[in-house]
Amino acid sequence: MAKQHKIARIKRRLTSAEEFEIMKLVLDKFLWIGTGLMAWGLYQSIIGDGPNGLYFIVAGAVVLAIFSVIIVREFEQIR
């Protein structure tokens, strides 16, 4: 019984390749959100709501900048 309890405590560690794949999935969502915000802002600007569209474009650019910082940090950690 004690041996079975010890085995249950062991946690499986992810390999660096598995961690990288998970990171890509998460950061891909940031990319889509940033691109979507910028596209919506462009659409808003075209239909005539300029300032509101500009806010969406800036928000999308901020999301993409955060995305870039995270990517650079992760690649520097790998090296």
PDB file of N, CA and C in Angstrom:
ATOM      1  N   MET A   1       0.832  -1.195   0.000  1.00  0.00           N
ATOM      2  CA  MET A   1       0.000   0.000   0.000  1.00  0.00           C
ATOM      3  C   MET A   1       0.874   1.256   0.000  1.00  0.00           C
ATOM      4  N   ALA A   2       1.934   1.278   0.788  1.00  0.00           N
ATOM      5  CA  ALA A   2       2.799   2.457   0.858  1.00  0.00           C
ATOM      6  C   ALA A   2       3.527   2.676  -0.462  1.00  0.00           C
ATOM      7  N   LYS A   3       3.909   1.572  -1.130  1.00  0.00           N
ATOM      8  CA  LYS A   3       4.597   1.694  -2.408  1.00  0.00           C
ATOM      9  C   LYS A   3       3.671   2.298  -3.467  1.00  0.00           C
ATOM     10  N   GLN A   4       2.408   1.908  -3.462  1.00  0.00           N
ATOM     11  CA  GLN A   4       1.443   2.432  -4.415  1.00  0.00           C
ATOM     12  C   GLN A   4       1.216   3.930  -4.165  1.00  0.00           C
ATOM     13  N   HIS A   5       1.231   4.337  -2.922  1.00  0.00           N
ATOM     14  CA  HIS A   5       1.051   5.753  -2.580  1.00  0.00           C
ATOM     15  C   HIS A   5       2.237   6.584  -3.067  1.00  0.00           C
ATOM     16  N   LYS A   6       3.444   6.036  -3.006  1.00  0.00           N
ATOM     17  CA  LYS A   6       4.640   6.731  -3.478  1.00  0.00           C
ATOM     18  C   LYS A   6       4.605   6.935  -4.991  1.00  0.00           C
ATOM     19  N   ILE A   7       4.149   5.949  -5.720  1.00  0.00           N
ATOM     20  CA  ILE A   7       4.086   6.032  -7.173  1.00  0.00           C
ATOM     21  C   ILE A   7       3.102   7.116  -7.607  1.00  0.00           C
ATOM     22  N   ALA A   8       2.021   7.285  -6.887  1.00  0.00           N
ATOM     23  CA  ALA A   8       1.025   8.285  -7.242  1.00  0.00           C
ATOM     24  C   ALA A   8       1.577   9.704  -7.103  1.00  0.00           C
ATOM     25  N   ARG A   9       2.583   9.909  -6.283  1.00  0.00           N
ATOM     26  CA  ARG A   9       3.159  11.231  -6.068  1.00  0.00           C
ATOM     27  C   ARG A   9       4.101  11.669  -7.191  1.00  0.00           C
ATOM     28  N   ILE A  10       4.621  10.752  -7.961  1.00  0.00           N
ATOM     29  CA  ILE A  10       5.580  11.083  -9.008  1.00  0.00           C
ATOM     30  C   ILE A  10       4.847  11.846 -10.110  1.00  0.00           C
ATOM     31  N   LYS A  11       5.372  13.019 -10.449  1.00  0.00           N
ATOM     32  CA  LYS A  11       4.777  13.832 -11.498  1.00  0.00           C
ATOM     33  C   LYS A  11       5.611  13.710 -12.757  1.00  0.00           C
ATOM     34  N   ARG A  12       4.938  13.649 -13.862  1.00  0.00           N
ATOM     35  CA  ARG A  12       5.620  13.532 -15.149  1.00  0.00           C
ATOM     36  C   ARG A  12       6.067  14.917 -15.603  1.00  0.00           C
ATOM     37  N   ARG A  13       7.306  15.031 -15.997  1.00  0.00           N
ATOM     38  CA  ARG A  13       7.853  16.289 -16.507  1.00  0.00           C
ATOM     39  C   ARG A  13       7.750  16.303 -18.023  1.00  0.00           C
ATOM     40  N   LEU A  14       7.454  17.480 -18.575  1.00  0.00           N
ATOM     41  CA  LEU A  14       7.381  17.626 -20.025  1.00  0.00           C
ATOM     42  C   LEU A  14       8.784  17.807 -20.596  1.00  0.00           C
ATOM     43  N   THR A  15       8.983  17.286 -21.758  1.00  0.00           N
ATOM     44  CA  THR A  15      10.255  17.518 -22.434  1.00  0.00           C
ATOM     45  C   THR A  15      10.236  18.945 -22.991  1.00  0.00           C
ATOM     46  N   SER A  16      11.393  19.449 -23.369  1.00  0.00           N
ATOM     47  CA  SER A  16      11.445  20.811 -23.903  1.00  0.00           C
ATOM     48  C   SER A  16      10.668  20.912 -25.211  1.00  0.00           C
ATOM     49  N   ALA A  17      10.645  19.852 -25.996  1.00  0.00           N
ATOM     50  CA  ALA A  17       9.877  19.855 -27.245  1.00  0.00           C
ATOM     51  C   ALA A  17       8.374  19.936 -26.959  1.00  0.00           C
ATOM     52  N   GLU A  18       7.913  19.209 -25.942  1.00  0.00           N
ATOM     53  CA  GLU A  18       6.499  19.266 -25.572  1.00  0.00           C
ATOM     54  C   GLU A  18       6.126  20.641 -25.025  1.00  0.00           C
ATOM     55  N   GLU A  19       7.009  21.218 -24.211  1.00  0.00           N
ATOM     56  CA  GLU A  19       6.763  22.563 -23.687  1.00  0.00           C
ATOM     57  C   GLU A  19       6.677  23.572 -24.828  1.00  0.00           C
ATOM     58  N   PHE A  20       7.570  23.437 -25.805  1.00  0.00           N
ATOM     59  CA  PHE A  20       7.589  24.355 -26.937  1.00  0.00           C
ATOM     60  C   PHE A  20       6.305  24.235 -27.754  1.00  0.00           C
ATOM     61  N   GLU A  21       5.811  23.020 -27.950  1.00  0.00           N
ATOM     62  CA  GLU A  21       4.569  22.823 -28.701  1.00  0.00           C
ATOM     63  C   GLU A  21       3.390  23.467 -27.979  1.00  0.00           C
ATOM     64  N   ILE A  22       3.322  23.326 -26.664  1.00  0.00           N
ATOM     65  CA  ILE A  22       2.250  23.946 -25.893  1.00  0.00           C
ATOM     66  C   ILE A  22       2.361  25.464 -25.961  1.00  0.00           C
ATOM     67  N   MET A  23       3.592  25.973 -25.848  1.00  0.00           N
ATOM     68  CA  MET A  23       3.810  27.416 -25.930  1.00  0.00           C
ATOM     69  C   MET A  23       3.358  27.941 -27.298  1.00  0.00           C
ATOM     70  N   LYS A  24       3.644  27.203 -28.362  1.00  0.00           N
ATOM     71  CA  LYS A  24       3.225  27.634 -29.698  1.00  0.00           C
ATOM     72  C   LYS A  24       1.711  27.703 -29.800  1.00  0.00           C
ATOM     73  N   LEU A  25       1.013  26.740 -29.210  1.00  0.00           N
ATOM     74  CA  LEU A  25      -0.447  26.751 -29.253  1.00  0.00           C
ATOM     75  C   LEU A  25      -1.019  27.972 -28.539  1.00  0.00           C
ATOM     76  N   VAL A  26      -0.453  28.286 -27.382  1.00  0.00           N
ATOM     77  CA  VAL A  26      -0.940  29.427 -26.611  1.00  0.00           C
ATOM     78  C   VAL A  26      -0.608  30.735 -27.319  1.00  0.00           C
ATOM     79  N   LEU A  27       0.614  30.886 -27.774  1.00  0.00           N
ATOM     80  CA  LEU A  27       1.020  32.134 -28.400  1.00  0.00           C
ATOM     81  C   LEU A  27       0.356  32.336 -29.757  1.00  0.00           C
ATOM     82  N   ASP A  28      -0.044  31.264 -30.403  1.00  0.00           N
ATOM     83  CA  ASP A  28      -0.784  31.377 -31.651  1.00  0.00           C
ATOM     84  C   ASP A  28      -2.107  32.105 -31.421  1.00  0.00           C
ATOM     85  N   LYS A  29      -2.699  31.882 -30.263  1.00  0.00           N
ATOM     86  CA  LYS A  29      -3.952  32.570 -29.925  1.00  0.00           C
ATOM     87  C   LYS A  29      -3.709  34.072 -29.778  1.00  0.00           C
ATOM     88  N   PHE A  30      -2.581  34.464 -29.179  1.00  0.00           N
ATOM     89  CA  PHE A  30      -2.240  35.884 -29.076  1.00  0.00           C
ATOM     90  C   PHE A  30      -2.124  36.490 -30.475  1.00  0.00           C
ATOM     91  N   LEU A  31      -1.504  35.760 -31.373  1.00  0.00           N
ATOM     92  CA  LEU A  31      -1.331  36.246 -32.743  1.00  0.00           C
ATOM     93  C   LEU A  31      -2.679  36.467 -33.414  1.00  0.00           C
ATOM     94  N   TRP A  32      -3.591  35.518 -33.268  1.00  0.00           N
ATOM     95  CA  TRP A  32      -4.918  35.653 -33.878  1.00  0.00           C
ATOM     96  C   TRP A  32      -5.703  36.794 -33.249  1.00  0.00           C
ATOM     97  N   ILE A  33      -5.612  36.943 -31.941  1.00  0.00           N
ATOM     98  CA  ILE A  33      -6.337  38.026 -31.267  1.00  0.00           C
ATOM     99  C   ILE A  33      -5.810  39.386 -31.723  1.00  0.00           C
ATOM    100  N   GLY A  34      -4.493  39.545 -31.775  1.00  0.00           N
ATOM    101  CA  GLY A  34      -3.898  40.806 -32.217  1.00  0.00           C
ATOM    102  C   GLY A  34      -4.260  41.130 -33.654  1.00  0.00           C
ATOM    103  N   THR A  35      -4.186  40.140 -34.523  1.00  0.00           N
ATOM    104  CA  THR A  35      -4.526  40.349 -35.926  1.00  0.00           C
ATOM    105  C   THR A  35      -6.012  40.674 -36.076  1.00  0.00           C
ATOM    106  N   GLY A  36      -6.845  39.976 -35.325  1.00  0.00           N
ATOM    107  CA  GLY A  36      -8.288  40.241 -35.375  1.00  0.00           C
ATOM    108  C   GLY A  36      -8.628  41.640 -34.898  1.00  0.00           C
ATOM    109  N   LEU A  37      -7.990  42.079 -33.822  1.00  0.00           N
ATOM    110  CA  LEU A  37      -8.230  43.437 -33.327  1.00  0.00           C
ATOM    111  C   LEU A  37      -7.814  44.483 -34.357  1.00  0.00           C
ATOM    112  N   MET A  38      -6.676  44.266 -34.982  1.00  0.00           N
ATOM    113  CA  MET A  38      -6.216  45.225 -35.989  1.00  0.00           C
ATOM    114  C   MET A  38      -7.136  45.219 -37.214  1.00  0.00           C
ATOM    115  N   ALA A  39      -7.613  44.063 -37.626  1.00  0.00           N
ATOM    116  CA  ALA A  39      -8.531  43.984 -38.764  1.00  0.00           C
ATOM    117  C   ALA A  39      -9.853  44.667 -38.438  1.00  0.00           C
ATOM    118  N   TRP A  40     -10.360  44.443 -37.222  1.00  0.00           N
ATOM    119  CA  TRP A  40     -11.605  45.092 -36.821  1.00  0.00           C
ATOM    120  C   TRP A  40     -11.422  46.613 -36.762  1.00  0.00           C
ATOM    121  N   GLY A  41     -10.273  47.061 -36.275  1.00  0.00           N
ATOM    122  CA  GLY A  41      -9.984  48.486 -36.242  1.00  0.00           C
ATOM    123  C   GLY A  41      -9.917  49.086 -37.635  1.00  0.00           C
ATOM    124  N   LEU A  42      -9.320  48.368 -38.571  1.00  0.00           N
ATOM    125  CA  LEU A  42      -9.264  48.834 -39.955  1.00  0.00           C
ATOM    126  C   LEU A  42     -10.671  48.932 -40.539  1.00  0.00           C
ATOM    127  N   TYR A  43     -11.488  47.925 -40.267  1.00  0.00           N
ATOM    128  CA  TYR A  43     -12.871  47.941 -40.741  1.00  0.00           C
ATOM    129  C   TYR A  43     -13.617  49.143 -40.149  1.00  0.00           C
ATOM    130  N   GLN A  44     -13.457  49.373 -38.846  1.00  0.00           N
ATOM    131  CA  GLN A  44     -14.118  50.511 -38.202  1.00  0.00           C
ATOM    132  C   GLN A  44     -13.653  51.833 -38.800  1.00  0.00           C
ATOM    133  N   SER A  45     -12.376  51.928 -39.118  1.00  0.00           N
ATOM    134  CA  SER A  45     -11.844  53.152 -39.717  1.00  0.00           C
ATOM    135  C   SER A  45     -12.414  53.380 -41.113  1.00  0.00           C
ATOM    136  N   ILE A  46     -12.579  52.304 -41.875  1.00  0.00           N
ATOM    137  CA  ILE A  46     -13.095  52.419 -43.246  1.00  0.00           C
ATOM    138  C   ILE A  46     -14.559  52.843 -43.254  1.00  0.00           C
ATOM    139  N   ILE A  47     -15.354  52.295 -42.338  1.00  0.00           N
ATOM    140  CA  ILE A  47     -16.787  52.643 -42.353  1.00  0.00           C
ATOM    141  C   ILE A  47     -17.050  54.018 -41.750  1.00  0.00           C
ATOM    142  N   GLY A  48     -16.030  54.667 -41.215  1.00  0.00           N
ATOM    143  CA  GLY A  48     -16.201  56.046 -40.811  1.00  0.00           C
ATOM    144  C   GLY A  48     -16.026  56.350 -39.339  1.00  0.00           C
ATOM    145  N   ASP A  49     -15.822  55.365 -38.509  1.00  0.00           N
ATOM    146  CA  ASP A  49     -15.631  55.612 -37.078  1.00  0.00           C
ATOM    147  C   ASP A  49     -14.136  55.621 -36.780  1.00  0.00           C
ATOM    148  N   GLY A  50     -13.452  56.652 -37.257  1.00  0.00           N
ATOM    149  CA  GLY A  50     -11.993  56.739 -37.208  1.00  0.00           C
ATOM    150  C   GLY A  50     -11.358  56.552 -35.845  1.00  0.00           C
ATOM    151  N   PRO A  51     -11.719  57.370 -34.851  1.00  0.00           N
ATOM    152  CA  PRO A  51     -11.048  57.238 -33.540  1.00  0.00           C
ATOM    153  C   PRO A  51     -11.269  55.870 -32.890  1.00  0.00           C
ATOM    154  N   ASN A  52     -12.473  55.349 -33.006  1.00  0.00           N
ATOM    155  CA  ASN A  52     -12.762  54.037 -32.422  1.00  0.00           C
ATOM    156  C   ASN A  52     -11.932  52.955 -33.125  1.00  0.00           C
ATOM    157  N   GLY A  53     -11.815  53.051 -34.433  1.00  0.00           N
ATOM    158  CA  GLY A  53     -11.008  52.094 -35.193  1.00  0.00           C
ATOM    159  C   GLY A  53      -9.541  52.179 -34.819  1.00  0.00           C
ATOM    160  N   LEU A  54      -9.068  53.401 -34.598  1.00  0.00           N
ATOM    161  CA  LEU A  54      -7.673  53.593 -34.216  1.00  0.00           C
ATOM    162  C   LEU A  54      -7.366  52.930 -32.871  1.00  0.00           C
ATOM    163  N   TYR A  55      -8.322  52.997 -31.943  1.00  0.00           N
ATOM    164  CA  TYR A  55      -8.118  52.351 -30.636  1.00  0.00           C
ATOM    165  C   TYR A  55      -7.954  50.839 -30.802  1.00  0.00           C
ATOM    166  N   PHE A  56      -8.745  50.237 -31.678  1.00  0.00           N
ATOM    167  CA  PHE A  56      -8.625  48.800 -31.913  1.00  0.00           C
ATOM    168  C   PHE A  56      -7.292  48.454 -32.577  1.00  0.00           C
ATOM    169  N   ILE A  57      -6.866  49.301 -33.498  1.00  0.00           N
ATOM    170  CA  ILE A  57      -5.580  49.057 -34.168  1.00  0.00           C
ATOM    171  C   ILE A  57      -4.442  49.139 -33.159  1.00  0.00           C
ATOM    172  N   VAL A  58      -4.484  50.123 -32.277  1.00  0.00           N
ATOM    173  CA  VAL A  58      -3.444  50.267 -31.248  1.00  0.00           C
ATOM    174  C   VAL A  58      -3.486  49.076 -30.283  1.00  0.00           C
ATOM    175  N   ALA A  59      -4.683  48.647 -29.903  1.00  0.00           N
ATOM    176  CA  ALA A  59      -4.802  47.490 -29.004  1.00  0.00           C
ATOM    177  C   ALA A  59      -4.225  46.233 -29.659  1.00  0.00           C
ATOM    178  N   GLY A  60      -4.489  46.045 -30.941  1.00  0.00           N
ATOM    179  CA  GLY A  60      -3.929  44.905 -31.661  1.00  0.00           C
ATOM    180  C   GLY A  60      -2.416  44.974 -31.728  1.00  0.00           C
ATOM    181  N   ALA A  61      -1.891  46.177 -31.937  1.00  0.00           N
ATOM    182  CA  ALA A  61      -0.436  46.343 -31.984  1.00  0.00           C
ATOM    183  C   ALA A  61       0.199  46.039 -30.633  1.00  0.00           C
ATOM    184  N   VAL A  62      -0.468  46.421 -29.550  1.00  0.00           N
ATOM    185  CA  VAL A  62       0.047  46.122 -28.211  1.00  0.00           C
ATOM    186  C   VAL A  62       0.064  44.613 -27.967  1.00  0.00           C
ATOM    187  N   VAL A  63      -1.006  43.927 -28.355  1.00  0.00           N
ATOM    188  CA  VAL A  63      -1.050  42.468 -28.196  1.00  0.00           C
ATOM    189  C   VAL A  63       0.076  41.812 -28.993  1.00  0.00           C
ATOM    190  N   LEU A  64       0.302  42.271 -30.222  1.00  0.00           N
ATOM    191  CA  LEU A  64       1.366  41.694 -31.043  1.00  0.00           C
ATOM    192  C   LEU A  64       2.751  42.026 -30.480  1.00  0.00           C
ATOM    193  N   ALA A  65       2.911  43.200 -29.865  1.00  0.00           N
ATOM    194  CA  ALA A  65       4.189  43.544 -29.234  1.00  0.00           C
ATOM    195  C   ALA A  65       4.457  42.640 -28.038  1.00  0.00           C
ATOM    196  N   ILE A  66       3.425  42.391 -27.244  1.00  0.00           N
ATOM    197  CA  ILE A  66       3.572  41.462 -26.109  1.00  0.00           C
ATOM    198  C   ILE A  66       3.928  40.077 -26.625  1.00  0.00           C
ATOM    199  N   PHE A  67       3.282  39.656 -27.698  1.00  0.00           N
ATOM    200  CA  PHE A  67       3.560  38.378 -28.338  1.00  0.00           C
ATOM    201  C   PHE A  67       5.035  38.292 -28.734  1.00  0.00           C
ATOM    202  N   SER A  68       5.552  39.359 -29.339  1.00  0.00           N
ATOM    203  CA  SER A  68       6.951  39.375 -29.769  1.00  0.00           C
ATOM    204  C   SER A  68       7.909  39.272 -28.594  1.00  0.00           C
ATOM    205  N   VAL A  69       7.626  39.991 -27.525  1.00  0.00           N
ATOM    206  CA  VAL A  69       8.483  39.951 -26.335  1.00  0.00           C
ATOM    207  C   VAL A  69       8.514  38.545 -25.743  1.00  0.00           C
ATOM    208  N   ILE A  70       7.360  37.908 -25.670  1.00  0.00           N
ATOM    209  CA  ILE A  70       7.300  36.554 -25.110  1.00  0.00           C
ATOM    210  C   ILE A  70       8.094  35.584 -25.980  1.00  0.00           C
ATOM    211  N   ILE A  71       7.945  35.682 -27.295  1.00  0.00           N
ATOM    212  CA  ILE A  71       8.668  34.794 -28.213  1.00  0.00           C
ATOM    213  C   ILE A  71      10.171  34.976 -28.060  1.00  0.00           C
ATOM    214  N   VAL A  72      10.639  36.216 -28.030  1.00  0.00           N
ATOM    215  CA  VAL A  72      12.080  36.472 -27.911  1.00  0.00           C
ATOM    216  C   VAL A  72      12.608  35.925 -26.596  1.00  0.00           C
ATOM    217  N   ARG A  73      11.879  36.123 -25.508  1.00  0.00           N
ATOM    218  CA  ARG A  73      12.311  35.589 -24.202  1.00  0.00           C
ATOM    219  C   ARG A  73      12.427  34.071 -24.224  1.00  0.00           C
ATOM    220  N   GLU A  74      11.455  33.421 -24.813  1.00  0.00           N
ATOM    221  CA  GLU A  74      11.469  31.964 -24.846  1.00  0.00           C
ATOM    222  C   GLU A  74      12.628  31.435 -25.674  1.00  0.00           C
ATOM    223  N   PHE A  75      12.909  32.067 -26.800  1.00  0.00           N
ATOM    224  CA  PHE A  75      14.027  31.610 -27.623  1.00  0.00           C
ATOM    225  C   PHE A  75      15.359  31.884 -26.934  1.00  0.00           C
ATOM    226  N   GLU A  76      15.471  32.973 -26.171  1.00  0.00           N
ATOM    227  CA  GLU A  76      16.700  33.235 -25.432  1.00  0.00           C
ATOM    228  C   GLU A  76      16.898  32.218 -24.317  1.00  0.00           C
ATOM    229  N   GLN A  77      15.813  31.750 -23.711  1.00  0.00           N
ATOM    230  CA  GLN A  77      15.914  30.737 -22.663  1.00  0.00           C
ATOM    231  C   GLN A  77      16.362  29.404 -23.235  1.00  0.00           C
ATOM    232  N   ILE A  78      15.935  29.104 -24.449  1.00  0.00           N
ATOM    233  CA  ILE A  78      16.313  27.834 -25.074  1.00  0.00           C
ATOM    234  C   ILE A  78      17.804  27.784 -25.318  1.00  0.00           C
ATOM    235  N   ARG A  79      18.396  28.915 -25.718  1.00  0.00           N
ATOM    236  CA  ARG A  79      19.838  28.977 -25.974  1.00  0.00           C
ATOM    237  C   ARG A  79      20.549  28.871 -24.700  1.00  0.00           C
TER     238      ARG A  79
END
